[in-house]
């Protein structure tokens, strides 16, 4: 297997003060395919704590090296890019993270290259920045203060893209479907038209104009064959629901009519009833 260009990139943290930031840097390195981390006079930490924060990264953690000086950390590097949000008096070779990535990867055939980051509280001191070939500013709003690990991730992301090293394969959709055919679209439009007619949508609108807009909308949405079937099912259900509502209304009307008829037969016609128990006959006179 060919070695990744990113295996020749070194991350150097100058006097990191928080183990959480060291762990987050390790996680970013694992995500982006960089494995060489050097810490210059770091805060005390344990490998156990780092892996507790950045799970499944022990392969990176066990490679971490410590140095007492920046010279030791950078001695064999052929190009160093230092990240800083501070203005510097002297003119530097400035670059964006994207430009930095190209410059570093252009040099990896000559030897190791490094990205250098300073302390969480004050960033890189001038004497540390003096060791850099390139000074990198991450474009932000006027609020330019980034968390250390965030800055590392931005840098590594650009290197990852520039190296063409996006190795993770994203699985296709679980139910991948073929593209919709012209016949499927036409069946859909027929079902749309029937459903809109069922709810009297065309009552005050011009049918052809509406249907032309519907065609344009669905063509631009570009549904696949499975999605077309789902859309058809939705519109078909509108028609079926409207039919059920109408049938129910007819049944209720007939039931009410039958109830009214029974009531009329039970009470008889007005003015024809006789006295109770006489069957309606007039009593005999004296």
C-alpha atoms as a PDB file:
ATOM      1  CA  UNK A   1       0.000   0.000   0.000  1.00  0.00           C
ATOM      2  CA  UNK A   2       1.371   3.434  -0.960  1.00  0.00           C
ATOM      3  CA  UNK A   3       2.223   5.668   2.003  1.00  0.00           C
ATOM      4  CA  UNK A   4       0.012   8.717   2.357  1.00  0.00           C
ATOM      5  CA  UNK A   5       1.578  12.130   1.810  1.00  0.00           C
ATOM      6  CA  UNK A   6       0.029  13.094   5.139  1.00  0.00           C
ATOM      7  CA  UNK A   7       2.306  10.651   6.962  1.00  0.00           C
ATOM      8  CA  UNK A   8       5.092  13.167   6.311  1.00  0.00           C
ATOM      9  CA  UNK A   9       3.193  16.004   7.976  1.00  0.00           C
ATOM     10  CA  UNK A  10       4.022  16.769  11.599  1.00  0.00           C
ATOM     11  CA  UNK A  11       1.787  18.588  14.060  1.00  0.00           C
ATOM     12  CA  UNK A  12       3.758  20.566  16.629  1.00  0.00           C
ATOM     13  CA  UNK A  13       2.051  22.065  19.675  1.00  0.00           C
ATOM     14  CA  UNK A  14       4.178  24.602  21.517  1.00  0.00           C
ATOM     15  CA  UNK A  15       3.553  24.436  25.280  1.00  0.00           C
ATOM     16  CA  UNK A  16      -0.078  23.191  25.173  1.00  0.00           C
ATOM     17  CA  UNK A  17      -1.796  23.906  28.480  1.00  0.00           C
ATOM     18  CA  UNK A  18      -4.917  21.736  28.417  1.00  0.00           C
ATOM     19  CA  UNK A  19      -5.013  17.923  27.985  1.00  0.00           C
ATOM     20  CA  UNK A  20      -8.442  18.282  26.391  1.00  0.00           C
ATOM     21  CA  UNK A  21      -6.911  20.260  23.541  1.00  0.00           C
ATOM     22  CA  UNK A  22      -4.180  17.665  23.114  1.00  0.00           C
ATOM     23  CA  UNK A  23      -6.850  14.949  22.939  1.00  0.00           C
ATOM     24  CA  UNK A  24      -8.951  16.937  20.473  1.00  0.00           C
ATOM     25  CA  UNK A  25      -5.858  17.438  18.318  1.00  0.00           C
ATOM     26  CA  UNK A  26      -5.280  13.684  18.366  1.00  0.00           C
ATOM     27  CA  UNK A  27      -8.889  13.126  17.294  1.00  0.00           C
ATOM     28  CA  UNK A  28      -8.519  15.606  14.418  1.00  0.00           C
ATOM     29  CA  UNK A  29      -5.322  13.868  13.306  1.00  0.00           C
ATOM     30  CA  UNK A  30      -7.078  10.496  13.312  1.00  0.00           C
ATOM     31  CA  UNK A  31      -9.984  11.945  11.300  1.00  0.00           C
ATOM     32  CA  UNK A  32      -7.707  13.500   8.679  1.00  0.00           C
ATOM     33  CA  UNK A  33      -4.975  10.879   8.333  1.00  0.00           C
ATOM     34  CA  UNK A  34      -2.035  12.592  10.066  1.00  0.00           C
ATOM     35  CA  UNK A  35      -0.139  10.569  12.660  1.00  0.00           C
ATOM     36  CA  UNK A  36       2.977  12.497  13.796  1.00  0.00           C
ATOM     37  CA  UNK A  37       2.477  14.699  16.887  1.00  0.00           C
ATOM     38  CA  UNK A  38       5.241  16.472  18.796  1.00  0.00           C
ATOM     39  CA  UNK A  39       4.574  18.375  22.024  1.00  0.00           C
ATOM     40  CA  UNK A  40       7.021  21.001  23.217  1.00  0.00           C
ATOM     41  CA  UNK A  41       6.980  21.294  27.039  1.00  0.00           C
ATOM     42  CA  UNK A  42       3.319  20.193  27.362  1.00  0.00           C
ATOM     43  CA  UNK A  43       1.097  20.196  30.435  1.00  0.00           C
ATOM     44  CA  UNK A  44       1.089  16.911  32.335  1.00  0.00           C
ATOM     45  CA  UNK A  45      -1.349  14.322  31.028  1.00  0.00           C
ATOM     46  CA  UNK A  46      -1.823  10.563  30.761  1.00  0.00           C
ATOM     47  CA  UNK A  47      -2.378   8.456  27.683  1.00  0.00           C
ATOM     48  CA  UNK A  48      -5.373   6.943  29.470  1.00  0.00           C
ATOM     49  CA  UNK A  49      -7.040  10.345  29.795  1.00  0.00           C
ATOM     50  CA  UNK A  50      -6.327  11.280  26.188  1.00  0.00           C
ATOM     51  CA  UNK A  51      -7.934   8.100  24.861  1.00  0.00           C
ATOM     52  CA  UNK A  52     -10.840   8.600  27.236  1.00  0.00           C
ATOM     53  CA  UNK A  53     -11.527  11.884  25.444  1.00  0.00           C
ATOM     54  CA  UNK A  54     -10.517  10.809  21.929  1.00  0.00           C
ATOM     55  CA  UNK A  55     -11.705   7.220  21.625  1.00  0.00           C
ATOM     56  CA  UNK A  56      -9.961   4.684  19.356  1.00  0.00           C
ATOM     57  CA  UNK A  57      -6.913   6.875  18.816  1.00  0.00           C
ATOM     58  CA  UNK A  58      -4.253   4.943  20.756  1.00  0.00           C
ATOM     59  CA  UNK A  59      -2.260   4.399  17.558  1.00  0.00           C
ATOM     60  CA  UNK A  60      -1.747   8.175  17.420  1.00  0.00           C
ATOM     61  CA  UNK A  61      -1.291   8.608  21.170  1.00  0.00           C
ATOM     62  CA  UNK A  62       1.472   5.998  21.438  1.00  0.00           C
ATOM     63  CA  UNK A  63       3.471   7.852  18.767  1.00  0.00           C
ATOM     64  CA  UNK A  64       3.404  11.230  20.562  1.00  0.00           C
ATOM     65  CA  UNK A  65       6.897  12.638  21.189  1.00  0.00           C
ATOM     66  CA  UNK A  66       7.954  15.265  23.726  1.00  0.00           C
ATOM     67  CA  UNK A  67      10.770  17.777  23.341  1.00  0.00           C
ATOM     68  CA  UNK A  68      12.167  20.478  25.572  1.00  0.00           C
ATOM     69  CA  UNK A  69      12.860  22.894  22.726  1.00  0.00           C
ATOM     70  CA  UNK A  70      11.236  23.925  19.501  1.00  0.00           C
ATOM     71  CA  UNK A  71      14.556  23.369  17.752  1.00  0.00           C
ATOM     72  CA  UNK A  72      14.336  19.664  18.569  1.00  0.00           C
ATOM     73  CA  UNK A  73      10.772  19.436  17.285  1.00  0.00           C
ATOM     74  CA  UNK A  74      11.544  21.100  13.954  1.00  0.00           C
ATOM     75  CA  UNK A  75      15.186  20.197  13.322  1.00  0.00           C
ATOM     76  CA  UNK A  76      14.606  17.865  10.353  1.00  0.00           C
ATOM     77  CA  UNK A  77      11.646  19.743   8.783  1.00  0.00           C
ATOM     78  CA  UNK A  78      12.075  21.259   5.311  1.00  0.00           C
ATOM     79  CA  UNK A  79       9.090  23.614   5.634  1.00  0.00           C
ATOM     80  CA  UNK A  80       7.255  24.931   8.689  1.00  0.00           C
ATOM     81  CA  UNK A  81       3.882  26.700   8.639  1.00  0.00           C
ATOM     82  CA  UNK A  82       3.033  28.541  11.858  1.00  0.00           C
ATOM     83  CA  UNK A  83      -0.570  29.433  12.682  1.00  0.00           C
ATOM     84  CA  UNK A  84      -1.249  32.781  14.324  1.00  0.00           C
ATOM     85  CA  UNK A  85      -4.084  35.288  14.513  1.00  0.00           C
ATOM     86  CA  UNK A  86      -1.798  38.040  15.814  1.00  0.00           C
ATOM     87  CA  UNK A  87      -0.436  40.867  13.715  1.00  0.00           C
ATOM     88  CA  UNK A  88       3.338  40.839  13.375  1.00  0.00           C
ATOM     89  CA  UNK A  89       5.539  43.848  12.774  1.00  0.00           C
ATOM     90  CA  UNK A  90       7.782  42.213  10.246  1.00  0.00           C
ATOM     91  CA  UNK A  91       6.771  41.088   6.793  1.00  0.00           C
ATOM     92  CA  UNK A  92       6.076  37.403   6.625  1.00  0.00           C
ATOM     93  CA  UNK A  93       5.278  34.975   3.863  1.00  0.00           C
ATOM     94  CA  UNK A  94       1.550  34.886   4.618  1.00  0.00           C
ATOM     95  CA  UNK A  95      -0.866  32.191   3.481  1.00  0.00           C
ATOM     96  CA  UNK A  96      -4.409  30.999   4.008  1.00  0.00           C
ATOM     97  CA  UNK A  97      -4.896  27.429   5.273  1.00  0.00           C
ATOM     98  CA  UNK A  98      -5.657  26.290   1.714  1.00  0.00           C
ATOM     99  CA  UNK A  99      -2.528  27.909   0.297  1.00  0.00           C
ATOM    100  CA  UNK A 100      -0.509  26.476   3.183  1.00  0.00           C
ATOM    101  CA  UNK A 101      -1.679  22.955   2.381  1.00  0.00           C
ATOM    102  CA  UNK A 102      -0.467  23.187  -1.205  1.00  0.00           C
ATOM    103  CA  UNK A 103       2.894  24.618  -0.189  1.00  0.00           C
ATOM    104  CA  UNK A 104       3.568  21.942   2.397  1.00  0.00           C
ATOM    105  CA  UNK A 105       2.552  19.027   0.232  1.00  0.00           C
ATOM    106  CA  UNK A 106       4.765  20.331  -2.562  1.00  0.00           C
ATOM    107  CA  UNK A 107       7.728  19.839  -0.208  1.00  0.00           C
ATOM    108  CA  UNK A 108       7.005  16.448   1.363  1.00  0.00           C
ATOM    109  CA  UNK A 109       9.182  14.619  -1.155  1.00  0.00           C
ATOM    110  CA  UNK A 110      12.155  16.544   0.254  1.00  0.00           C
ATOM    111  CA  UNK A 111      11.529  15.702   3.906  1.00  0.00           C
ATOM    112  CA  UNK A 112       9.122  16.184   6.827  1.00  0.00           C
ATOM    113  CA  UNK A 113       6.965  19.319   6.946  1.00  0.00           C
ATOM    114  CA  UNK A 114       5.293  20.775  10.015  1.00  0.00           C
ATOM    115  CA  UNK A 115       2.334  22.847  11.126  1.00  0.00           C
ATOM    116  CA  UNK A 116       3.050  24.753  14.307  1.00  0.00           C
ATOM    117  CA  UNK A 117       0.578  26.028  16.913  1.00  0.00           C
ATOM    118  CA  UNK A 118       1.102  28.072  20.079  1.00  0.00           C
ATOM    119  CA  UNK A 119      -0.251  28.192  23.591  1.00  0.00           C
ATOM    120  CA  UNK A 120      -3.945  28.539  24.333  1.00  0.00           C
ATOM    121  CA  UNK A 121      -3.479  31.819  26.218  1.00  0.00           C
ATOM    122  CA  UNK A 122      -1.005  33.813  24.104  1.00  0.00           C
ATOM    123  CA  UNK A 123      -0.433  31.855  20.912  1.00  0.00           C
ATOM    124  CA  UNK A 124       3.043  31.676  19.418  1.00  0.00           C
ATOM    125  CA  UNK A 125       5.754  33.987  20.778  1.00  0.00           C
ATOM    126  CA  UNK A 126       7.835  35.840  18.195  1.00  0.00           C
ATOM    127  CA  UNK A 127      10.870  33.633  18.745  1.00  0.00           C
ATOM    128  CA  UNK A 128       8.735  30.570  17.902  1.00  0.00           C
ATOM    129  CA  UNK A 129       7.200  32.208  14.839  1.00  0.00           C
ATOM    130  CA  UNK A 130      10.737  33.032  13.704  1.00  0.00           C
ATOM    131  CA  UNK A 131      11.189  29.330  12.981  1.00  0.00           C
ATOM    132  CA  UNK A 132       8.406  29.312  10.381  1.00  0.00           C
ATOM    133  CA  UNK A 133       8.801  29.566   6.611  1.00  0.00           C
ATOM    134  CA  UNK A 134       5.154  30.568   6.282  1.00  0.00           C
ATOM    135  CA  UNK A 135       2.771  32.331   8.640  1.00  0.00           C
ATOM    136  CA  UNK A 136      -0.863  31.201   8.332  1.00  0.00           C
ATOM    137  CA  UNK A 137      -3.954  33.223   9.227  1.00  0.00           C
ATOM    138  CA  UNK A 138      -7.324  31.471   9.368  1.00  0.00           C
ATOM    139  CA  UNK A 139      -9.963  33.797   7.856  1.00  0.00           C
ATOM    140  CA  UNK A 140     -12.594  34.699  10.455  1.00  0.00           C
ATOM    141  CA  UNK A 141     -14.760  37.615  11.503  1.00  0.00           C
ATOM    142  CA  UNK A 142     -13.247  40.340  13.701  1.00  0.00           C
ATOM    143  CA  UNK A 143     -13.469  37.777  16.497  1.00  0.00           C
ATOM    144  CA  UNK A 144     -10.354  35.893  15.438  1.00  0.00           C
ATOM    145  CA  UNK A 145      -9.711  33.843  18.572  1.00  0.00           C
ATOM    146  CA  UNK A 146     -10.007  30.126  17.805  1.00  0.00           C
ATOM    147  CA  UNK A 147      -9.706  27.209  20.181  1.00  0.00           C
ATOM    148  CA  UNK A 148      -6.357  25.458  19.671  1.00  0.00           C
ATOM    149  CA  UNK A 149      -7.873  22.163  18.546  1.00  0.00           C
ATOM    150  CA  UNK A 150     -10.270  23.978  16.197  1.00  0.00           C
ATOM    151  CA  UNK A 151      -7.343  25.664  14.475  1.00  0.00           C
ATOM    152  CA  UNK A 152      -5.573  22.318  14.149  1.00  0.00           C
ATOM    153  CA  UNK A 153      -8.657  20.760  12.592  1.00  0.00           C
ATOM    154  CA  UNK A 154      -8.954  23.572  10.012  1.00  0.00           C
ATOM    155  CA  UNK A 155      -5.332  23.054   9.007  1.00  0.00           C
ATOM    156  CA  UNK A 156      -5.596  19.270   8.825  1.00  0.00           C
ATOM    157  CA  UNK A 157      -8.836  19.430   6.852  1.00  0.00           C
ATOM    158  CA  UNK A 158      -7.185  21.535   4.145  1.00  0.00           C
ATOM    159  CA  UNK A 159      -4.194  19.185   4.051  1.00  0.00           C
ATOM    160  CA  UNK A 160      -6.516  16.196   3.837  1.00  0.00           C
ATOM    161  CA  UNK A 161      -8.324  17.652   0.840  1.00  0.00           C
ATOM    162  CA  UNK A 162      -5.153  18.819  -0.884  1.00  0.00           C
ATOM    163  CA  UNK A 163      -3.622  15.356  -0.533  1.00  0.00           C
ATOM    164  CA  UNK A 164      -6.686  13.750  -2.107  1.00  0.00           C
ATOM    165  CA  UNK A 165      -6.713  11.474   0.901  1.00  0.00           C
ATOM    166  CA  UNK A 166     -10.441  11.269   1.599  1.00  0.00           C
ATOM    167  CA  UNK A 167     -10.377   7.501   2.007  1.00  0.00           C
ATOM    168  CA  UNK A 168     -13.686   6.955   3.789  1.00  0.00           C
ATOM    169  CA  UNK A 169     -16.233   5.394   1.456  1.00  0.00           C
ATOM    170  CA  UNK A 170     -19.776   6.531   2.157  1.00  0.00           C
ATOM    171  CA  UNK A 171     -22.240   3.692   1.677  1.00  0.00           C
ATOM    172  CA  UNK A 172     -24.989   4.217  -0.902  1.00  0.00           C
ATOM    173  CA  UNK A 173     -28.587   4.630   0.271  1.00  0.00           C
ATOM    174  CA  UNK A 174     -29.970   1.459   1.808  1.00  0.00           C
ATOM    175  CA  UNK A 175     -32.767   1.335  -0.760  1.00  0.00           C
ATOM    176  CA  UNK A 176     -31.096   2.635  -3.874  1.00  0.00           C
ATOM    177  CA  UNK A 177     -33.631   3.151  -6.670  1.00  0.00           C
ATOM    178  CA  UNK A 178     -33.309   3.540 -10.437  1.00  0.00           C
ATOM    179  CA  UNK A 179     -34.050   6.872 -12.095  1.00  0.00           C
ATOM    180  CA  UNK A 180     -37.685   7.594 -12.910  1.00  0.00           C
ATOM    181  CA  UNK A 181     -38.814   6.938 -16.465  1.00  0.00           C
ATOM    182  CA  UNK A 182     -40.911   9.202 -18.649  1.00  0.00           C
ATOM    183  CA  UNK A 183     -43.838   6.792 -18.307  1.00  0.00           C
ATOM    184  CA  UNK A 184     -43.626   7.007 -14.496  1.00  0.00           C
ATOM    185  CA  UNK A 185     -43.682  10.799 -14.652  1.00  0.00           C
ATOM    186  CA  UNK A 186     -46.747  10.768 -16.894  1.00  0.00           C
ATOM    187  CA  UNK A 187     -48.593   8.414 -14.561  1.00  0.00           C
ATOM    188  CA  UNK A 188     -47.692  10.705 -11.692  1.00  0.00           C
ATOM    189  CA  UNK A 189     -49.088  13.758 -13.470  1.00  0.00           C
ATOM    190  CA  UNK A 190     -52.339  11.918 -14.169  1.00  0.00           C
ATOM    191  CA  UNK A 191     -52.660  11.057 -10.475  1.00  0.00           C
ATOM    192  CA  UNK A 192     -51.844  14.638  -9.485  1.00  0.00           C
ATOM    193  CA  UNK A 193     -54.530  15.983 -11.808  1.00  0.00           C
ATOM    194  CA  UNK A 194     -57.142  13.547 -10.488  1.00  0.00           C
ATOM    195  CA  UNK A 195     -56.332  14.390  -6.856  1.00  0.00           C
ATOM    196  CA  UNK A 196     -56.514  18.142  -7.465  1.00  0.00           C
ATOM    197  CA  UNK A 197     -59.817  17.715  -9.286  1.00  0.00           C
ATOM    198  CA  UNK A 198     -61.147  15.636  -6.371  1.00  0.00           C
ATOM    199  CA  UNK A 199     -60.650  18.544  -3.971  1.00  0.00           C
ATOM    200  CA  UNK A 200     -61.994  21.103  -6.488  1.00  0.00           C
ATOM    201  CA  UNK A 201     -58.600  22.787  -6.753  1.00  0.00           C
ATOM    202  CA  UNK A 202     -59.268  23.748 -10.383  1.00  0.00           C
ATOM    203  CA  UNK A 203     -62.586  25.387  -9.521  1.00  0.00           C
ATOM    204  CA  UNK A 204     -61.138  28.916  -9.701  1.00  0.00           C
ATOM    205  CA  UNK A 205     -57.833  28.159 -11.448  1.00  0.00           C
ATOM    206  CA  UNK A 206     -56.784  27.390 -15.001  1.00  0.00           C
ATOM    207  CA  UNK A 207     -56.096  23.651 -15.117  1.00  0.00           C
ATOM    208  CA  UNK A 208     -53.470  23.667 -17.886  1.00  0.00           C
ATOM    209  CA  UNK A 209     -51.395  26.366 -16.207  1.00  0.00           C
ATOM    210  CA  UNK A 210     -51.470  24.545 -12.878  1.00  0.00           C
ATOM    211  CA  UNK A 211     -50.468  21.235 -14.393  1.00  0.00           C
ATOM    212  CA  UNK A 212     -47.640  22.833 -16.360  1.00  0.00           C
ATOM    213  CA  UNK A 213     -46.271  24.301 -13.139  1.00  0.00           C
ATOM    214  CA  UNK A 214     -46.591  20.907 -11.455  1.00  0.00           C
ATOM    215  CA  UNK A 215     -44.602  19.303 -14.264  1.00  0.00           C
ATOM    216  CA  UNK A 216     -41.880  21.918 -13.968  1.00  0.00           C
ATOM    217  CA  UNK A 217     -41.708  21.492 -10.199  1.00  0.00           C
ATOM    218  CA  UNK A 218     -41.402  17.701 -10.241  1.00  0.00           C
ATOM    219  CA  UNK A 219     -38.917  17.673 -13.119  1.00  0.00           C
ATOM    220  CA  UNK A 220     -36.678  20.085 -11.200  1.00  0.00           C
ATOM    221  CA  UNK A 221     -36.986  17.966  -8.062  1.00  0.00           C
ATOM    222  CA  UNK A 222     -35.780  14.962 -10.115  1.00  0.00           C
ATOM    223  CA  UNK A 223     -37.270  12.170  -7.952  1.00  0.00           C
ATOM    224  CA  UNK A 224     -36.046   8.625  -8.535  1.00  0.00           C
ATOM    225  CA  UNK A 225     -38.332   5.703  -9.355  1.00  0.00           C
ATOM    226  CA  UNK A 226     -39.090   4.859  -5.710  1.00  0.00           C
ATOM    227  CA  UNK A 227     -39.878   8.482  -4.893  1.00  0.00           C
ATOM    228  CA  UNK A 228     -42.187   8.713  -7.913  1.00  0.00           C
ATOM    229  CA  UNK A 229     -44.131   5.718  -6.601  1.00  0.00           C
ATOM    230  CA  UNK A 230     -44.412   7.403  -3.200  1.00  0.00           C
ATOM    231  CA  UNK A 231     -45.740  10.617  -4.756  1.00  0.00           C
ATOM    232  CA  UNK A 232     -48.267   8.649  -6.818  1.00  0.00           C
ATOM    233  CA  UNK A 233     -49.449   6.800  -3.712  1.00  0.00           C
ATOM    234  CA  UNK A 234     -50.012  10.112  -1.925  1.00  0.00           C
ATOM    235  CA  UNK A 235     -52.130  11.551  -4.726  1.00  0.00           C
ATOM    236  CA  UNK A 236     -54.045   8.302  -5.234  1.00  0.00           C
ATOM    237  CA  UNK A 237     -54.883   8.285  -1.524  1.00  0.00           C
ATOM    238  CA  UNK A 238     -56.314  11.809  -1.834  1.00  0.00           C
ATOM    239  CA  UNK A 239     -58.777  10.561  -4.457  1.00  0.00           C
ATOM    240  CA  UNK A 240     -59.674   7.470  -2.418  1.00  0.00           C
ATOM    241  CA  UNK A 241     -60.198   9.533   0.712  1.00  0.00           C
ATOM    242  CA  UNK A 242     -62.485  11.961  -1.096  1.00  0.00           C
ATOM    243  CA  UNK A 243     -64.492   9.022  -2.452  1.00  0.00           C
ATOM    244  CA  UNK A 244     -64.824   7.543   1.051  1.00  0.00           C
ATOM    245  CA  UNK A 245     -65.988  10.898   2.399  1.00  0.00           C
ATOM    246  CA  UNK A 246     -68.637  11.202  -0.312  1.00  0.00           C
ATOM    247  CA  UNK A 247     -69.874   7.642   0.222  1.00  0.00           C
ATOM    248  CA  UNK A 248     -70.128   8.229   3.941  1.00  0.00           C
ATOM    249  CA  UNK A 249     -72.065  11.430   3.359  1.00  0.00           C
ATOM    250  CA  UNK A 250     -74.527   9.559   1.081  1.00  0.00           C
ATOM    251  CA  UNK A 251     -74.969   6.777   3.635  1.00  0.00           C
ATOM    252  CA  UNK A 252     -75.630   9.276   6.388  1.00  0.00           C
ATOM    253  CA  UNK A 253     -78.126  11.140   4.196  1.00  0.00           C
ATOM    254  CA  UNK A 254     -80.003   7.916   3.309  1.00  0.00           C
ATOM    255  CA  UNK A 255     -80.019   6.843   6.945  1.00  0.00           C
ATOM    256  CA  UNK A 256     -81.463  10.200   7.980  1.00  0.00           C
ATOM    257  CA  UNK A 257     -84.106   9.989   5.242  1.00  0.00           C
ATOM    258  CA  UNK A 258     -85.107   6.509   6.414  1.00  0.00           C
ATOM    259  CA  UNK A 259     -85.378   7.726  10.004  1.00  0.00           C
ATOM    260  CA  UNK A 260     -87.584  10.634   8.953  1.00  0.00           C
ATOM    261  CA  UNK A 261     -89.859   8.271   6.955  1.00  0.00           C
ATOM    262  CA  UNK A 262     -90.321   5.890   9.880  1.00  0.00           C
ATOM    263  CA  UNK A 263     -91.266   8.773  12.118  1.00  0.00           C
ATOM    264  CA  UNK A 264     -93.958   9.928   9.664  1.00  0.00           C
ATOM    265  CA  UNK A 265     -95.555   6.442   9.411  1.00  0.00           C
ATOM    266  CA  UNK A 266     -95.583   6.003  13.190  1.00  0.00           C
ATOM    267  CA  UNK A 267     -97.448   9.233  13.998  1.00  0.00           C
ATOM    268  CA  UNK A 268     -99.842   9.150  10.977  1.00  0.00           C
ATOM    269  CA  UNK A 269    -101.220  12.029   8.959  1.00  0.00           C
ATOM    270  CA  UNK A 270    -102.321  15.128  10.880  1.00  0.00           C
ATOM    271  CA  UNK A 271    -106.068  15.330  11.834  1.00  0.00           C
ATOM    272  CA  UNK A 272    -106.921  11.634  11.258  1.00  0.00           C
ATOM    273  CA  UNK A 273    -106.443  10.295  14.720  1.00  0.00           C
ATOM    274  CA  UNK A 274    -109.484   9.290  16.832  1.00  0.00           C
ATOM    275  CA  UNK A 275    -110.012   8.960  20.526  1.00  0.00           C
ATOM    276  CA  UNK A 276    -107.875   6.374  22.239  1.00  0.00           C
ATOM    277  CA  UNK A 277    -109.338   2.865  22.099  1.00  0.00           C
ATOM    278  CA  UNK A 278    -112.063   3.702  19.553  1.00  0.00           C
ATOM    279  CA  UNK A 279    -110.118   2.918  16.435  1.00  0.00           C
ATOM    280  CA  UNK A 280    -111.000   6.391  15.202  1.00  0.00           C
ATOM    281  CA  UNK A 281    -114.819   5.722  14.880  1.00  0.00           C
ATOM    282  CA  UNK A 282    -117.333   8.255  16.000  1.00  0.00           C
ATOM    283  CA  UNK A 283    -119.334   7.130  19.128  1.00  0.00           C
ATOM    284  CA  UNK A 284    -123.040   6.230  18.622  1.00  0.00           C
ATOM    285  CA  UNK A 285    -125.502   8.966  19.453  1.00  0.00           C
ATOM    286  CA  UNK A 286    -128.383   8.568  21.903  1.00  0.00           C
END
